[in-house]
All heavy atoms as atom14 arrays in JSON, in Angstrom:
{
  "sequence": "LDEQYLSDPYPTLSWLRENEPVHWVPEFEAWIVTLYDDVRMLF",
  "atom14_mask": [
    [1, 1, 1, 1, 1, 1, 1, 1, 0, 0, 0, 0, 0, 0],
    [1, 1, 1, 1, 1, 1, 1, 1, 0, 0, 0, 0, 0, 0],
    [1, 1, 1, 1, 1, 1, 1, 1, 1, 0, 0, 0, 0, 0],
    [1, 1, 1, 1, 1, 1, 1, 1, 1, 0, 0, 0, 0, 0],
    [1, 1, 1, 1, 1, 1, 1, 1, 1, 1, 1, 1, 0, 0],
    [1, 1, 1, 1, 1, 1, 1, 1, 0, 0, 0, 0, 0, 0],
    [1, 1, 1, 1, 1, 1, 0, 0, 0, 0, 0, 0, 0, 0],
    [1, 1, 1, 1, 1, 1, 1, 1, 0, 0, 0, 0, 0, 0],
    [1, 1, 1, 1, 1, 1, 1, 0, 0, 0, 0, 0, 0, 0],
    [1, 1, 1, 1, 1, 1, 1, 1, 1, 1, 1, 1, 0, 0],
    [1, 1, 1, 1, 1, 1, 1, 0, 0, 0, 0, 0, 0, 0],
    [1, 1, 1, 1, 1, 1, 1, 0, 0, 0, 0, 0, 0, 0],
    [1, 1, 1, 1, 1, 1, 1, 1, 0, 0, 0, 0, 0, 0],
    [1, 1, 1, 1, 1, 1, 0, 0, 0, 0, 0, 0, 0, 0],
    [1, 1, 1, 1, 1, 1, 1, 1, 1, 1, 1, 1, 1, 1],
    [1, 1, 1, 1, 1, 1, 1, 1, 0, 0, 0, 0, 0, 0],
    [1, 1, 1, 1, 1, 1, 1, 1, 1, 1, 1, 0, 0, 0],
    [1, 1, 1, 1, 1, 1, 1, 1, 1, 0, 0, 0, 0, 0],
    [1, 1, 1, 1, 1, 1, 1, 1, 0, 0, 0, 0, 0, 0],
    [1, 1, 1, 1, 1, 1, 1, 1, 1, 0, 0, 0, 0, 0],
    [1, 1, 1, 1, 1, 1, 1, 0, 0, 0, 0, 0, 0, 0],
    [1, 1, 1, 1, 1, 1, 1, 0, 0, 0, 0, 0, 0, 0],
    [1, 1, 1, 1, 1, 1, 1, 1, 1, 1, 0, 0, 0, 0],
    [1, 1, 1, 1, 1, 1, 1, 1, 1, 1, 1, 1, 1, 1],
    [1, 1, 1, 1, 1, 1, 1, 0, 0, 0, 0, 0, 0, 0],
    [1, 1, 1, 1, 1, 1, 1, 0, 0, 0, 0, 0, 0, 0],
    [1, 1, 1, 1, 1, 1, 1, 1, 1, 0, 0, 0, 0, 0],
    [1, 1, 1, 1, 1, 1, 1, 1, 1, 1, 1, 0, 0, 0],
    [1, 1, 1, 1, 1, 1, 1, 1, 1, 0, 0, 0, 0, 0],
    [1, 1, 1, 1, 1, 0, 0, 0, 0, 0, 0, 0, 0, 0],
    [1, 1, 1, 1, 1, 1, 1, 1, 1, 1, 1, 1, 1, 1],
    [1, 1, 1, 1, 1, 1, 1, 1, 0, 0, 0, 0, 0, 0],
    [1, 1, 1, 1, 1, 1, 1, 0, 0, 0, 0, 0, 0, 0],
    [1, 1, 1, 1, 1, 1, 1, 0, 0, 0, 0, 0, 0, 0],
    [1, 1, 1, 1, 1, 1, 1, 1, 0, 0, 0, 0, 0, 0],
    [1, 1, 1, 1, 1, 1, 1, 1, 1, 1, 1, 1, 0, 0],
    [1, 1, 1, 1, 1, 1, 1, 1, 0, 0, 0, 0, 0, 0],
    [1, 1, 1, 1, 1, 1, 1, 1, 0, 0, 0, 0, 0, 0],
    [1, 1, 1, 1, 1, 1, 1, 0, 0, 0, 0, 0, 0, 0],
    [1, 1, 1, 1, 1, 1, 1, 1, 1, 1, 1, 0, 0, 0],
    [1, 1, 1, 1, 1, 1, 1, 1, 0, 0, 0, 0, 0, 0],
    [1, 1, 1, 1, 1, 1, 1, 1, 0, 0, 0, 0, 0, 0],
    [1, 1, 1, 1, 1, 1, 1, 1, 1, 1, 1, 0, 0, 0]
  ],
  "atom14_positions": [
    [[91.23, 150.35, 7.04], [92.2, 150.75, 6.03], [93.54, 151.17, 6.61], [94.37, 151.75, 5.93], [91.64, 151.95, 5.32], [90.43, 151.68, 4.4], [89.95, 152.93, 3.75], [90.83, 150.66, 3.31], [0.0, 0.0, 0.0], [0.0, 0.0, 0.0], [0.0, 0.0, 0.0], [0.0, 0.0, 0.0], [0.0, 0.0, 0.0], [0.0, 0.0, 0.0]],
    [[93.76, 150.8, 7.89], [95.04, 151.19, 8.46], [96.13, 150.23, 7.93], [95.83, 149.08, 7.45], [95.01, 151.25, 10.01], [94.73, 149.88, 10.64], [95.22, 148.88, 10.15], [93.93, 149.93, 11.64], [0.0, 0.0, 0.0], [0.0, 0.0, 0.0], [0.0, 0.0, 0.0], [0.0, 0.0, 0.0], [0.0, 0.0, 0.0], [0.0, 0.0, 0.0]],
    [[97.36, 150.62, 8.14], [98.51, 149.92, 7.56], [98.68, 148.51, 8.24], [99.04, 147.58, 7.57], [99.79, 150.68, 7.72], [99.93, 151.97, 6.77], [101.2, 152.65, 6.94], [102.12, 152.09, 7.49], [101.29, 153.77, 6.36], [0.0, 0.0, 0.0], [0.0, 0.0, 0.0], [0.0, 0.0, 0.0], [0.0, 0.0, 0.0], [0.0, 0.0, 0.0]],
    [[98.37, 148.47, 9.55], [98.51, 147.19, 10.19], [97.65, 146.08, 9.64], [98.04, 144.92, 9.35], [98.24, 147.38, 11.71], [98.51, 146.06, 12.53], [98.27, 146.19, 13.94], [98.0, 147.35, 14.47], [98.4, 145.12, 14.76], [0.0, 0.0, 0.0], [0.0, 0.0, 0.0], [0.0, 0.0, 0.0], [0.0, 0.0, 0.0], [0.0, 0.0, 0.0]],
    [[96.37, 146.44, 9.36], [95.39, 145.54, 8.74], [95.8, 145.2, 7.37], [95.9, 143.98, 6.96], [94.03, 146.04, 8.79], [93.09, 145.24, 7.94], [92.59, 144.05, 8.48], [92.62, 145.59, 6.7], [91.71, 143.18, 7.69], [91.83, 144.85, 5.92], [91.41, 143.68, 6.52], [90.54, 142.81, 5.68], [0.0, 0.0, 0.0], [0.0, 0.0, 0.0]],
    [[96.08, 146.28, 6.61], [96.39, 146.02, 5.1], [97.64, 145.15, 4.96], [97.77, 144.4, 3.88], [96.52, 147.39, 4.43], [95.23, 148.16, 4.33], [95.5, 149.59, 3.7], [94.17, 147.45, 3.58], [0.0, 0.0, 0.0], [0.0, 0.0, 0.0], [0.0, 0.0, 0.0], [0.0, 0.0, 0.0], [0.0, 0.0, 0.0], [0.0, 0.0, 0.0]],
    [[98.64, 145.28, 5.83], [99.87, 144.5, 5.57], [99.59, 143.05, 5.9], [100.4, 142.25, 5.38], [101.02, 145.02, 6.55], [100.56, 144.85, 7.93], [0.0, 0.0, 0.0], [0.0, 0.0, 0.0], [0.0, 0.0, 0.0], [0.0, 0.0, 0.0], [0.0, 0.0, 0.0], [0.0, 0.0, 0.0], [0.0, 0.0, 0.0], [0.0, 0.0, 0.0]],
    [[98.67, 142.71, 6.7], [98.33, 141.3, 7.04], [96.94, 141.14, 7.46], [96.52, 140.89, 8.55], [99.3, 140.84, 8.16], [99.18, 139.31, 8.31], [98.58, 138.57, 7.5], [99.54, 138.83, 9.41], [0.0, 0.0, 0.0], [0.0, 0.0, 0.0], [0.0, 0.0, 0.0], [0.0, 0.0, 0.0], [0.0, 0.0, 0.0], [0.0, 0.0, 0.0]],
    [[95.95, 141.06, 6.37], [94.54, 140.99, 6.66], [94.1, 139.59, 6.98], [92.95, 139.33, 7.37], [93.92, 141.49, 5.41], [94.82, 141.12, 4.34], [96.25, 141.22, 4.89], [0.0, 0.0, 0.0], [0.0, 0.0, 0.0], [0.0, 0.0, 0.0], [0.0, 0.0, 0.0], [0.0, 0.0, 0.0], [0.0, 0.0, 0.0], [0.0, 0.0, 0.0]],
    [[94.96, 138.62, 6.73], [94.49, 137.17, 6.72], [93.99, 136.69, 8.08], [92.98, 135.94, 8.13], [95.56, 136.24, 6.17], [96.03, 136.85, 4.9], [97.36, 137.39, 4.75], [95.15, 136.79, 3.76], [97.77, 137.92, 3.55], [95.68, 137.37, 2.5], [96.86, 137.88, 2.43], [97.36, 138.44, 1.22], [0.0, 0.0, 0.0], [0.0, 0.0, 0.0]],
    [[94.63, 136.98, 9.22], [94.08, 136.56, 10.57], [92.63, 137.13, 10.77], [91.86, 136.31, 11.27], [95.08, 137.09, 11.58], [96.4, 137.16, 10.8], [95.86, 137.62, 9.45], [0.0, 0.0, 0.0], [0.0, 0.0, 0.0], [0.0, 0.0, 0.0], [0.0, 0.0, 0.0], [0.0, 0.0, 0.0], [0.0, 0.0, 0.0], [0.0, 0.0, 0.0]],
    [[92.46, 138.28, 10.4], [91.17, 138.97, 10.57], [90.12, 138.28, 9.72], [88.94, 137.89, 10.16], [91.04, 140.41, 10.23], [91.99, 141.13, 11.24], [89.81, 141.02, 10.35], [0.0, 0.0, 0.0], [0.0, 0.0, 0.0], [0.0, 0.0, 0.0], [0.0, 0.0, 0.0], [0.0, 0.0, 0.0], [0.0, 0.0, 0.0], [0.0, 0.0, 0.0]],
    [[90.39, 138.07, 8.46], [89.48, 137.46, 7.48], [89.19, 135.92, 7.92], [88.04, 135.45, 7.85], [90.0, 137.44, 6.06], [90.21, 138.81, 5.47], [90.84, 138.73, 4.2], [88.91, 139.55, 5.33], [0.0, 0.0, 0.0], [0.0, 0.0, 0.0], [0.0, 0.0, 0.0], [0.0, 0.0, 0.0], [0.0, 0.0, 0.0], [0.0, 0.0, 0.0]],
    [[90.17, 135.29, 8.49], [89.96, 133.92, 8.9], [89.08, 133.92, 10.14], [88.17, 133.09, 10.23], [91.4, 133.29, 9.33], [91.21, 132.06, 9.83], [0.0, 0.0, 0.0], [0.0, 0.0, 0.0], [0.0, 0.0, 0.0], [0.0, 0.0, 0.0], [0.0, 0.0, 0.0], [0.0, 0.0, 0.0], [0.0, 0.0, 0.0], [0.0, 0.0, 0.0]],
    [[89.26, 134.88, 11.05], [88.35, 134.96, 12.19], [86.94, 135.24, 11.71], [85.89, 134.65, 12.25], [88.84, 136.0, 13.14], [88.15, 136.13, 14.41], [88.34, 135.57, 15.65], [86.84, 136.85, 14.66], [87.39, 135.88, 16.54], [86.51, 136.62, 16.02], [86.06, 137.69, 13.86], [85.35, 137.3, 16.56], [84.95, 138.23, 14.47], [84.57, 138.07, 15.74]],
    [[86.74, 136.12, 10.67], [85.42, 136.45, 10.35], [84.73, 135.34, 9.66], [83.55, 135.07, 9.89], [85.44, 137.66, 9.33], [85.87, 138.95, 9.81], [86.0, 140.0, 8.78], [84.78, 139.47, 10.93], [0.0, 0.0, 0.0], [0.0, 0.0, 0.0], [0.0, 0.0, 0.0], [0.0, 0.0, 0.0], [0.0, 0.0, 0.0], [0.0, 0.0, 0.0]],
    [[85.5, 134.56, 8.93], [84.9, 133.34, 8.28], [84.38, 132.38, 9.29], [83.34, 131.74, 9.11], [85.88, 132.65, 7.28], [86.04, 133.28, 5.97], [86.79, 132.42, 5.04], [88.2, 132.22, 5.4], [89.2, 133.0, 5.08], [88.94, 134.06, 4.2], [90.5, 132.81, 5.44], [0.0, 0.0, 0.0], [0.0, 0.0, 0.0], [0.0, 0.0, 0.0]],
    [[85.01, 132.19, 10.42], [84.67, 131.24, 11.48], [83.57, 131.87, 12.33], [82.73, 131.08, 12.73], [85.82, 130.93, 12.3], [86.95, 130.08, 11.59], [86.41, 128.71, 11.41], [85.61, 128.17, 12.21], [86.86, 128.12, 10.4], [0.0, 0.0, 0.0], [0.0, 0.0, 0.0], [0.0, 0.0, 0.0], [0.0, 0.0, 0.0], [0.0, 0.0, 0.0]],
    [[83.5, 133.11, 12.58], [82.71, 133.72, 13.63], [81.64, 134.68, 13.16], [80.58, 134.76, 13.79], [83.5, 134.44, 14.72], [84.53, 133.51, 15.33], [84.17, 132.79, 16.37], [85.77, 133.51, 14.97], [0.0, 0.0, 0.0], [0.0, 0.0, 0.0], [0.0, 0.0, 0.0], [0.0, 0.0, 0.0], [0.0, 0.0, 0.0], [0.0, 0.0, 0.0]],
    [[81.94, 135.43, 12.09], [81.02, 136.42, 11.6], [81.1, 136.57, 10.15], [81.6, 137.6, 9.6], [81.32, 137.78, 12.23], [80.19, 138.78, 12.25], [80.51, 140.0, 13.04], [81.24, 139.98, 14.09], [80.1, 141.12, 12.71], [0.0, 0.0, 0.0], [0.0, 0.0, 0.0], [0.0, 0.0, 0.0], [0.0, 0.0, 0.0], [0.0, 0.0, 0.0]],
    [[80.72, 135.61, 9.35], [80.87, 135.6, 7.9], [80.29, 136.66, 7.13], [80.66, 137.02, 6.01], [80.35, 134.21, 7.5], [79.48, 133.77, 8.55], [79.96, 134.35, 9.8], [0.0, 0.0, 0.0], [0.0, 0.0, 0.0], [0.0, 0.0, 0.0], [0.0, 0.0, 0.0], [0.0, 0.0, 0.0], [0.0, 0.0, 0.0], [0.0, 0.0, 0.0]],
    [[79.17, 137.25, 7.69], [78.63, 138.52, 7.13], [78.92, 139.63, 8.13], [78.21, 139.7, 9.25], [77.03, 138.28, 6.83], [76.51, 139.53, 6.17], [76.87, 137.1, 5.88], [0.0, 0.0, 0.0], [0.0, 0.0, 0.0], [0.0, 0.0, 0.0], [0.0, 0.0, 0.0], [0.0, 0.0, 0.0], [0.0, 0.0, 0.0], [0.0, 0.0, 0.0]],
    [[79.69, 140.55, 7.73], [80.3, 141.46, 8.7], [80.05, 142.95, 8.25], [80.35, 143.3, 7.15], [81.81, 141.25, 8.88], [82.57, 142.18, 9.69], [82.37, 142.28, 11.03], [83.47, 143.06, 9.42], [83.13, 143.22, 11.56], [83.81, 143.69, 10.54], [0.0, 0.0, 0.0], [0.0, 0.0, 0.0], [0.0, 0.0, 0.0], [0.0, 0.0, 0.0]],
    [[79.5, 143.75, 9.13], [79.33, 145.23, 8.82], [80.59, 145.9, 9.14], [81.19, 145.78, 10.23], [78.17, 145.75, 9.65], [78.04, 147.25, 9.49], [78.29, 148.2, 10.46], [77.51, 147.95, 8.38], [77.98, 149.43, 9.92], [77.45, 149.33, 8.68], [77.0, 147.56, 7.09], [77.03, 150.26, 7.8], [76.54, 148.45, 6.22], [76.6, 149.89, 6.56]],
    [[81.09, 146.66, 8.12], [82.28, 147.51, 8.28], [81.89, 149.06, 8.45], [81.62, 149.62, 7.41], [83.28, 147.28, 7.19], [84.57, 147.96, 7.43], [83.52, 145.8, 6.97], [0.0, 0.0, 0.0], [0.0, 0.0, 0.0], [0.0, 0.0, 0.0], [0.0, 0.0, 0.0], [0.0, 0.0, 0.0], [0.0, 0.0, 0.0], [0.0, 0.0, 0.0]],
    [[81.86, 149.61, 9.58], [81.44, 150.94, 9.68], [82.33, 151.91, 8.91], [81.72, 152.94, 8.29], [81.53, 151.24, 11.24], [81.54, 149.9, 11.91], [82.1, 148.97, 10.89], [0.0, 0.0, 0.0], [0.0, 0.0, 0.0], [0.0, 0.0, 0.0], [0.0, 0.0, 0.0], [0.0, 0.0, 0.0], [0.0, 0.0, 0.0], [0.0, 0.0, 0.0]],
    [[83.57, 151.71, 8.83], [84.44, 152.63, 8.12], [84.04, 152.66, 6.65], [84.3, 153.64, 6.02], [85.88, 152.21, 8.25], [86.93, 153.2, 7.8], [88.31, 152.83, 8.16], [88.53, 151.85, 8.97], [89.23, 153.47, 7.73], [0.0, 0.0, 0.0], [0.0, 0.0, 0.0], [0.0, 0.0, 0.0], [0.0, 0.0, 0.0], [0.0, 0.0, 0.0]],
    [[83.63, 151.51, 6.13], [83.18, 151.46, 4.68], [81.69, 151.8, 4.53], [81.32, 151.98, 3.31], [83.5, 149.99, 4.07], [84.93, 149.69, 4.05], [85.21, 148.28, 3.79], [85.9, 150.55, 4.32], [86.55, 147.94, 3.78], [87.26, 150.12, 4.3], [87.53, 148.8, 4.01], [0.0, 0.0, 0.0], [0.0, 0.0, 0.0], [0.0, 0.0, 0.0]],
    [[81.03, 151.67, 5.58], [79.5, 151.72, 5.45], [79.03, 150.63, 4.51], [78.16, 150.88, 3.62], [79.05, 153.07, 5.08], [79.27, 154.18, 6.09], [78.69, 155.53, 5.6], [77.44, 155.71, 5.83], [79.47, 156.38, 5.22], [0.0, 0.0, 0.0], [0.0, 0.0, 0.0], [0.0, 0.0, 0.0], [0.0, 0.0, 0.0], [0.0, 0.0, 0.0]],
    [[79.56, 149.43, 4.71], [79.26, 148.31, 3.79], [79.42, 147.0, 4.52], [79.99, 146.93, 5.59], [80.2, 148.36, 2.55], [0.0, 0.0, 0.0], [0.0, 0.0, 0.0], [0.0, 0.0, 0.0], [0.0, 0.0, 0.0], [0.0, 0.0, 0.0], [0.0, 0.0, 0.0], [0.0, 0.0, 0.0], [0.0, 0.0, 0.0], [0.0, 0.0, 0.0]],
    [[78.79, 145.97, 3.87], [78.98, 144.62, 4.41], [80.09, 143.92, 3.73], [80.25, 144.13, 2.56], [77.58, 143.86, 4.24], [76.47, 144.4, 5.0], [75.56, 145.21, 4.58], [76.04, 144.06, 6.3], [74.66, 145.49, 5.5], [74.96, 144.81, 6.64], [76.69, 143.16, 7.26], [74.34, 144.7, 7.9], [76.04, 143.14, 8.5], [74.89, 143.93, 8.8]],
    [[80.84, 143.06, 4.47], [81.84, 142.23, 3.82], [81.41, 140.79, 4.05], [81.01, 140.34, 5.09], [83.21, 142.45, 4.42], [84.21, 141.53, 3.73], [83.33, 142.26, 5.89], [85.72, 141.84, 4.01], [0.0, 0.0, 0.0], [0.0, 0.0, 0.0], [0.0, 0.0, 0.0], [0.0, 0.0, 0.0], [0.0, 0.0, 0.0], [0.0, 0.0, 0.0]],
    [[81.32, 140.03, 2.97], [80.91, 138.64, 2.97], [82.06, 137.71, 2.71], [82.72, 137.92, 1.63], [79.7, 138.42, 1.86], [79.24, 137.0, 1.94], [78.64, 139.37, 2.16], [0.0, 0.0, 0.0], [0.0, 0.0, 0.0], [0.0, 0.0, 0.0], [0.0, 0.0, 0.0], [0.0, 0.0, 0.0], [0.0, 0.0, 0.0], [0.0, 0.0, 0.0]],
    [[82.31, 136.79, 3.58], [83.67, 136.09, 3.58], [83.59, 134.63, 3.09], [84.62, 133.93, 2.96], [84.41, 136.15, 4.84], [83.54, 135.73, 5.88], [84.85, 137.67, 5.14], [0.0, 0.0, 0.0], [0.0, 0.0, 0.0], [0.0, 0.0, 0.0], [0.0, 0.0, 0.0], [0.0, 0.0, 0.0], [0.0, 0.0, 0.0], [0.0, 0.0, 0.0]],
    [[82.34, 134.02, 3.01], [82.23, 132.62, 2.7], [81.94, 132.41, 1.26], [81.09, 133.15, 0.7], [81.21, 131.98, 3.58], [81.56, 131.91, 5.05], [80.39, 131.09, 5.81], [82.89, 131.07, 5.32], [0.0, 0.0, 0.0], [0.0, 0.0, 0.0], [0.0, 0.0, 0.0], [0.0, 0.0, 0.0], [0.0, 0.0, 0.0], [0.0, 0.0, 0.0]],
    [[82.49, 131.45, 0.58], [82.28, 131.25, -0.82], [80.84, 131.03, -1.18], [80.3, 131.62, -2.12], [83.1, 130.02, -1.24], [82.89, 129.53, -2.61], [83.5, 130.16, -3.75], [81.95, 128.56, -2.88], [83.28, 129.76, -5.05], [81.74, 128.11, -4.19], [82.44, 128.71, -5.27], [82.11, 128.32, -6.58], [0.0, 0.0, 0.0], [0.0, 0.0, 0.0]],
    [[80.17, 130.12, -0.37], [78.78, 129.8, -0.77], [77.86, 131.06, -0.64], [76.87, 131.22, -1.43], [78.24, 128.67, 0.19], [78.86, 127.36, -0.14], [79.34, 127.16, -1.28], [78.86, 126.45, 0.75], [0.0, 0.0, 0.0], [0.0, 0.0, 0.0], [0.0, 0.0, 0.0], [0.0, 0.0, 0.0], [0.0, 0.0, 0.0], [0.0, 0.0, 0.0]],
    [[78.2, 131.89, 0.33], [77.38, 133.11, 0.53], [77.55, 134.14, -0.58], [76.63, 134.68, -1.19], [77.74, 133.81, 1.81], [77.22, 132.97, 3.04], [76.38, 132.17, 2.79], [77.66, 133.3, 4.13], [0.0, 0.0, 0.0], [0.0, 0.0, 0.0], [0.0, 0.0, 0.0], [0.0, 0.0, 0.0], [0.0, 0.0, 0.0], [0.0, 0.0, 0.0]],
    [[78.76, 134.17, -1.04], [79.2, 135.09, -2.19], [78.53, 134.63, -3.48], [77.94, 135.37, -4.2], [80.72, 135.21, -2.42], [81.01, 135.88, -3.65], [81.29, 135.87, -1.17], [0.0, 0.0, 0.0], [0.0, 0.0, 0.0], [0.0, 0.0, 0.0], [0.0, 0.0, 0.0], [0.0, 0.0, 0.0], [0.0, 0.0, 0.0], [0.0, 0.0, 0.0]],
    [[78.59, 133.2, -3.72], [77.99, 132.7, -4.85], [76.48, 132.92, -4.96], [75.89, 133.3, -5.95], [78.29, 131.24, -4.87], [77.84, 130.51, -6.19], [78.25, 129.17, -6.31], [77.84, 128.51, -7.53], [78.06, 127.28, -7.94], [78.79, 126.45, -7.1], [77.49, 126.77, -8.92], [0.0, 0.0, 0.0], [0.0, 0.0, 0.0], [0.0, 0.0, 0.0]],
    [[75.86, 132.75, -3.76], [74.36, 133.02, -3.62], [74.1, 134.46, -3.92], [73.09, 134.71, -4.67], [73.91, 132.65, -2.28], [72.39, 132.93, -1.93], [72.0, 132.54, -0.23], [72.82, 133.84, 0.57], [0.0, 0.0, 0.0], [0.0, 0.0, 0.0], [0.0, 0.0, 0.0], [0.0, 0.0, 0.0], [0.0, 0.0, 0.0], [0.0, 0.0, 0.0]],
    [[74.9, 135.37, -3.47], [74.64, 136.75, -3.75], [74.75, 137.13, -5.29], [73.95, 137.82, -5.89], [75.62, 137.66, -3.02], [75.22, 138.0, -1.58], [76.44, 138.65, -0.91], [74.04, 138.86, -1.5], [0.0, 0.0, 0.0], [0.0, 0.0, 0.0], [0.0, 0.0, 0.0], [0.0, 0.0, 0.0], [0.0, 0.0, 0.0], [0.0, 0.0, 0.0]],
    [[75.79, 136.55, -5.93], [76.04, 136.77, -7.3], [74.84, 136.19, -8.13], [74.64, 136.64, -9.27], [77.31, 136.25, -7.84], [78.4, 137.25, -7.56], [79.57, 136.84, -6.75], [78.42, 138.49, -8.06], [80.56, 137.71, -6.57], [79.44, 139.41, -7.87], [80.57, 138.92, -7.07], [0.0, 0.0, 0.0], [0.0, 0.0, 0.0], [0.0, 0.0, 0.0]]
  ]
}
């Protein structure tokens, strides 16, 4: 939630889609899912 990430999250999200599409975020205590097919499957 720091300003550097929030001002430009796209490189991080792009990296996650390529390398770790289901990603644990300790600061949120939650998982972030970045691929369309995975999100659709969850819904």
